[in-house]
Protein backbone atom coordinates (compact mmCIF):
# COMPACT_ATOMS: atom_id res chain seq x y z
CA UNK A 1 -25.79 -8.24 -9.61
CA UNK A 2 -21.97 -6.97 -9.87
CA UNK A 3 -21.25 -3.62 -9.42
CA UNK A 4 -17.92 -2.20 -10.87
CA UNK A 5 -16.08 0.62 -9.43
CA UNK A 6 -13.41 2.39 -11.39
CA UNK A 7 -12.13 5.77 -12.14
CA UNK A 8 -11.88 6.63 -15.83
CA UNK A 9 -9.51 9.47 -15.44
CA UNK A 10 -6.69 6.95 -13.84
CA UNK A 11 -3.91 6.12 -16.51
CA UNK A 12 -3.27 3.15 -14.77
CA UNK A 13 -6.83 1.45 -15.10
CA UNK A 14 -6.14 0.46 -18.62
CA UNK A 15 -9.58 0.44 -21.15
CA UNK A 16 -8.38 -3.20 -22.33
CA UNK A 17 -8.57 -4.26 -19.03
CA UNK A 18 -12.09 -3.09 -18.09
CA UNK A 19 -13.17 -4.42 -21.65
CA UNK A 20 -12.11 -7.89 -20.47
CA UNK A 21 -14.22 -7.49 -17.26
CA UNK A 22 -17.25 -6.77 -19.45
CA UNK A 23 -16.66 -9.76 -21.79
CA UNK A 24 -16.46 -11.96 -18.56
CA UNK A 25 -19.69 -10.81 -17.41
CA UNK A 26 -21.52 -11.35 -20.94
CA UNK A 27 -19.86 -14.46 -21.49
CA UNK A 28 -21.49 -15.78 -18.13
CA UNK A 29 -24.94 -13.77 -18.57
CA UNK A 30 -24.19 -12.19 -15.43
CA UNK A 31 -25.94 -8.59 -14.73
CA UNK A 32 -23.44 -5.80 -13.95
CA UNK A 33 -23.41 -2.02 -13.70
CA UNK A 34 -20.31 0.50 -13.99
CA UNK A 35 -20.08 2.95 -11.46
CA UNK A 36 -17.63 5.88 -12.17
CA UNK A 37 -15.51 6.47 -8.90
CA UNK A 38 -15.50 10.06 -9.48
CA UNK A 39 -19.25 10.92 -9.07
CA UNK A 40 -20.81 8.07 -7.72
CA UNK A 41 -22.19 8.43 -3.90
CA UNK A 42 -22.42 5.96 -1.23
CA UNK A 43 -25.97 5.55 -2.01
CA UNK A 44 -25.22 3.96 -5.20
CA UNK A 45 -23.65 1.06 -3.02
CA UNK A 46 -25.43 1.34 0.06
CA UNK A 47 -28.68 -0.43 -1.34
CA UNK A 48 -26.55 -3.39 -2.19
CA UNK A 49 -27.21 -7.02 -0.39
CA UNK A 50 -25.71 -9.88 0.46
CA UNK A 51 -26.42 -11.58 -3.15
CA UNK A 52 -24.66 -8.77 -4.61
CA UNK A 53 -20.74 -8.14 -5.42
CA UNK A 54 -19.12 -4.70 -5.46
CA UNK A 55 -16.08 -4.99 -7.98
CA UNK A 56 -12.81 -2.80 -7.37
CA UNK A 57 -11.28 -2.63 -10.65
CA UNK A 58 -7.65 -1.01 -9.95
CA UNK A 59 -4.82 -1.73 -7.90
CA UNK A 60 -3.65 -0.51 -4.57
CA UNK A 61 -4.26 3.15 -4.74
CA UNK A 62 -8.17 2.15 -5.57
CA UNK A 63 -8.31 -0.28 -2.64
CA UNK A 64 -6.52 2.67 -0.41
CA UNK A 65 -9.12 4.79 -1.62
CA UNK A 66 -12.32 2.60 -0.98
CA UNK A 67 -10.78 1.89 2.61
CA UNK A 68 -11.04 5.79 3.20
CA UNK A 69 -14.79 5.64 2.78
CA UNK A 70 -16.57 6.06 6.15
CA UNK A 71 -19.54 3.72 5.58
CA UNK A 72 -17.77 1.00 4.23
CA UNK A 73 -18.31 -0.99 7.04
CA UNK A 74 -22.17 -0.74 6.14
CA UNK A 75 -21.87 -2.55 2.67
CA UNK A 76 -23.62 -5.81 2.69
CA UNK A 77 -22.24 -7.07 -0.46
CA UNK A 78 -18.92 -9.16 -1.02
CA UNK A 79 -16.04 -7.16 -2.28
CA UNK A 80 -14.09 -8.48 -4.98
CA UNK A 81 -11.05 -7.29 -6.58
CA UNK A 82 -10.22 -7.17 -10.42
CA UNK A 83 -6.74 -6.25 -11.01
CA UNK A 84 -6.66 -3.33 -13.51
CA UNK A 85 -4.16 -1.06 -12.35
CA UNK A 86 -0.32 -0.65 -12.49
CA UNK A 87 0.66 -0.51 -8.64
CA UNK A 88 -0.29 -4.34 -7.87
CA UNK A 89 1.45 -5.04 -4.83
CA UNK A 90 -1.72 -6.36 -2.82
CA UNK A 91 -2.72 -8.44 -5.92
CA UNK A 92 0.75 -9.88 -6.06
CA UNK A 93 -0.25 -12.20 -3.23
CA UNK A 94 -3.58 -13.10 -4.74
CA UNK A 95 -4.29 -15.24 -7.54
CA UNK A 96 -7.68 -15.36 -9.76
CA UNK A 97 -10.03 -13.23 -11.73
CA UNK A 98 -11.93 -11.70 -9.25
CA UNK A 99 -10.66 -11.92 -5.81
CA UNK A 100 -12.84 -12.07 -2.57
CA UNK A 101 -11.09 -9.24 -0.57
CA UNK A 102 -14.00 -9.04 1.82
CA UNK A 103 -12.40 -10.15 5.14
CA UNK A 104 -9.15 -8.84 4.60
CA UNK A 105 -10.45 -5.06 4.43
CA UNK A 106 -12.38 -5.69 7.64
CA UNK A 107 -9.02 -6.63 9.26
CA UNK A 108 -7.04 -3.94 7.82
CA UNK A 109 -4.39 -1.84 9.61
CA UNK A 110 -4.60 1.81 10.21
CA UNK A 111 -2.26 4.56 11.22
CA UNK A 112 -2.95 7.67 13.18
CA UNK A 113 -2.31 11.53 11.93
CA UNK A 114 -3.60 13.98 14.86
CA UNK A 115 -6.01 11.24 15.95
CA UNK A 116 -7.32 10.72 12.37
CA UNK A 117 -7.50 7.09 11.89
CA UNK A 118 -6.30 6.01 7.91
CA UNK A 119 -6.63 2.34 6.88
CA UNK A 120 -3.95 0.68 4.54
CA UNK A 121 -3.51 -2.48 3.10
CA UNK A 122 0.10 -3.11 2.13
CA UNK A 123 2.19 -1.03 4.34
CA UNK A 124 3.25 2.43 5.31
CA UNK A 125 6.71 4.00 4.83
CA UNK A 126 8.34 7.22 5.54
CA UNK A 127 11.83 8.50 4.23
CA UNK A 128 13.23 7.74 0.63
CA UNK A 129 10.24 5.29 -0.21
CA UNK A 130 7.85 7.75 -0.17
CA UNK A 131 9.64 10.24 -1.78
CA UNK A 132 9.83 7.80 -4.66
CA UNK A 133 6.31 7.02 -4.68
CA UNK A 134 5.76 10.85 -5.16
CA UNK A 135 7.87 11.10 -7.82
CA UNK A 136 6.96 8.06 -9.60
CA UNK A 137 3.29 9.54 -9.37
CA UNK A 138 4.25 12.62 -11.02
CA UNK A 139 5.96 10.65 -13.65
CA UNK A 140 3.94 7.67 -14.48
CA UNK A 141 5.82 6.16 -16.88
CA UNK A 142 9.16 6.23 -14.17
CA UNK A 143 10.75 3.12 -12.85
CA UNK A 144 10.51 2.95 -9.00
CA UNK A 145 14.48 1.32 -8.70
CA UNK A 146 15.37 4.06 -11.59
CA UNK A 147 13.91 6.53 -9.69
CA UNK A 148 15.07 5.59 -6.07
CA UNK A 149 18.85 5.95 -7.51
CA UNK A 150 18.38 9.26 -8.43
CA UNK A 151 16.76 10.20 -5.34
CA UNK A 152 19.36 8.54 -3.33
CA UNK A 153 21.79 10.92 -4.19
CA UNK A 154 19.97 14.13 -2.63
CA UNK A 155 18.39 12.35 0.18
CA UNK A 156 19.26 13.54 3.68
CA UNK A 157 19.09 10.77 6.35
CA UNK A 158 17.45 11.17 9.47
CA UNK A 159 17.23 9.80 12.86
CA UNK A 160 14.57 7.36 13.72
CA UNK A 161 13.12 6.73 17.15
CA UNK A 162 10.65 3.84 17.23
CA UNK A 163 8.78 2.21 19.95
CA UNK A 164 7.02 -1.27 19.26
CA UNK A 165 4.76 -2.50 21.68
CA UNK A 166 6.33 -0.28 24.34
CA UNK A 167 9.79 -0.83 23.54
CA UNK A 168 12.28 1.91 22.40
CA UNK A 169 14.78 1.98 19.71
CA UNK A 170 16.92 4.88 17.97
CA UNK A 171 18.68 4.49 14.95
CA UNK A 172 20.95 7.02 12.56
CA UNK A 173 21.24 7.24 9.04
CA UNK A 174 17.77 5.72 8.26
CA UNK A 175 17.00 6.15 4.62
CA UNK A 176 13.21 4.92 5.06
CA UNK A 177 11.31 2.39 7.29
CA UNK A 178 8.09 0.59 6.45
CA UNK A 179 5.72 -1.29 8.52
CA UNK A 180 4.37 -3.86 6.02
CA UNK A 181 1.22 -5.99 6.32
CA UNK A 182 1.68 -7.25 2.94
CA UNK A 183 4.95 -8.57 1.19
CA UNK A 184 5.56 -6.05 -1.53
CA UNK A 185 6.24 -2.29 -1.92
CA UNK A 186 7.12 -0.46 -5.33
CA UNK A 187 5.65 -2.55 -7.84
CA UNK A 188 7.51 -5.87 -6.69
CA UNK A 189 10.00 -5.15 -4.24
CA UNK A 190 9.49 -8.10 -1.76
CA UNK A 191 10.44 -5.92 1.14
CA UNK A 192 8.46 -8.21 3.88
CA UNK A 193 8.91 -11.79 2.97
CA UNK A 194 7.80 -12.85 6.22
CA UNK A 195 4.43 -10.99 6.52
CA UNK A 196 1.40 -12.78 6.68
CA UNK A 197 -2.15 -10.74 6.25
CA UNK A 198 -3.88 -13.54 8.04
CA UNK A 199 -2.14 -12.51 11.55
CA UNK A 200 -1.91 -9.01 13.45
CA UNK A 201 1.66 -8.67 13.18
CA UNK A 202 3.16 -5.89 11.55
CA UNK A 203 6.76 -6.34 9.65
CA UNK A 204 8.84 -3.38 10.09
CA UNK A 205 11.97 -2.76 7.88
CA UNK A 206 14.62 -0.15 8.32
CA UNK A 207 17.08 0.71 6.14
CA UNK A 208 20.25 2.78 7.11
CA UNK A 209 23.74 3.53 6.10
CA UNK A 210 26.15 6.30 6.36
CA UNK A 211 26.35 6.63 2.59
CA UNK A 212 23.44 6.21 -0.37
CA UNK A 213 26.47 4.00 -2.06
CA UNK A 214 26.04 1.71 0.48
CA UNK A 215 22.45 1.45 0.47
CA UNK A 216 21.92 0.89 -3.64
CA UNK A 217 23.31 -2.66 -3.60
CA UNK A 218 20.92 -3.39 -1.16
CA UNK A 219 17.96 -2.66 -3.40
CA UNK A 220 18.15 -5.58 -6.09
CA UNK A 221 18.26 -7.62 -2.66
CA UNK A 222 14.89 -6.35 -1.79
CA UNK A 223 13.26 -7.74 -5.21
CA UNK A 224 14.43 -11.09 -4.39
CA UNK A 225 13.47 -10.91 -0.53
CA UNK A 226 16.95 -11.54 0.61
CA UNK A 227 17.98 -7.92 1.76
CA UNK A 228 18.17 -9.58 5.49
CA UNK A 229 21.86 -10.71 4.57
CA UNK A 230 23.00 -7.21 4.32
CA UNK A 231 22.94 -6.88 8.04
CA UNK A 232 24.92 -3.85 8.54
CA UNK A 233 21.88 -1.79 6.70
CA UNK A 234 18.70 -3.58 7.08
CA UNK A 235 17.02 -4.02 10.78
CA UNK A 236 14.29 -6.24 11.18
CA UNK A 237 11.48 -5.57 14.10
CA UNK A 238 7.96 -7.17 14.37
CA UNK A 239 4.89 -5.74 16.47
CA UNK A 240 1.21 -4.48 16.83
CA UNK A 241 1.57 -1.05 18.19
CA UNK A 242 3.97 1.43 16.61
CA UNK A 243 5.11 4.93 17.44
CA UNK A 244 7.28 6.86 15.18
CA UNK A 245 9.09 10.01 15.49
CA UNK A 246 11.74 11.52 13.17
CA UNK A 247 14.42 14.11 13.74
CA UNK A 248 13.01 16.16 10.89
CA UNK A 249 9.85 16.34 8.51
CA UNK A 250 9.84 13.55 5.83
CA UNK A 251 7.10 12.28 3.15
CA UNK A 252 4.68 9.12 4.10
CA UNK A 253 3.43 6.81 1.84
CA UNK A 254 0.40 4.54 2.53
CA UNK A 255 -0.07 1.93 -0.15
CA UNK A 256 1.97 4.36 -2.72
CA UNK A 257 -0.42 7.21 -1.57
CA UNK A 258 1.88 10.02 -0.31
CA UNK A 259 1.02 12.74 2.17
CA UNK A 260 4.01 15.66 2.73
CA UNK A 261 5.65 16.71 5.91
CA UNK A 262 5.22 14.22 8.76
CA UNK A 263 7.80 13.62 11.66
CA UNK A 264 5.34 11.89 13.84
CA UNK A 265 3.02 8.77 13.25
CA UNK A 266 1.25 5.90 15.04
CA UNK A 267 0.51 2.53 13.45
CA UNK A 268 -1.33 -0.31 14.52
CA UNK A 269 -2.35 -3.66 13.57
CA UNK A 270 -6.32 -3.84 13.70
């Protein structure tokens, strides 16, 4: 039996995508049930067995919300992803109509805010990338790149103190930093081309400059995964345990989901 978890009020989950999924099931005579993400309870999926499949129909936000499910570790069914959202940075690294992501979710990294653990699947960032995510979330038809260029003009860079596996670094004039489990952010920006979801290493990228005008040319390089050639503006670190302190509060994004007003955070591989 296939249980499809979807959000009917999400503008990103297109009706045509869900109809395509239902057509897939019907053509193969597969039993399925649609579960409304807004009013389902854990009891609806707690009864699933090893022979069942739980399908997450959506994008990065859908996976991120599911990771916050307290009792998800108790789910016995295999967990599949069906690409139906607009934010599909996770899906870019996976091919197939229905992708088994059971094991990847078990190994998801996490971050700590006030000792509360929160999991993520792609990456965590603080600074202008989070501000852009926030703006794009408010205006769903907005382009990440165009929105970023506009926000750059008024963004105030910060001082970043970051401790990676016990070693401390300090950087000035930081526009944003990310700790990546996957390769992509922002709808296809290849910020961490070296990222490997099968290891326990997080790829850290710090983007810095004296002026926003020196950052804007770096963005097209990020889409191609070539930004490391801008050595004066890009720092690359790697590690498992990360502690971050910022000179002033910033927005933070995890898989595109935004948290406001943070200056300290811990990030850990799992």
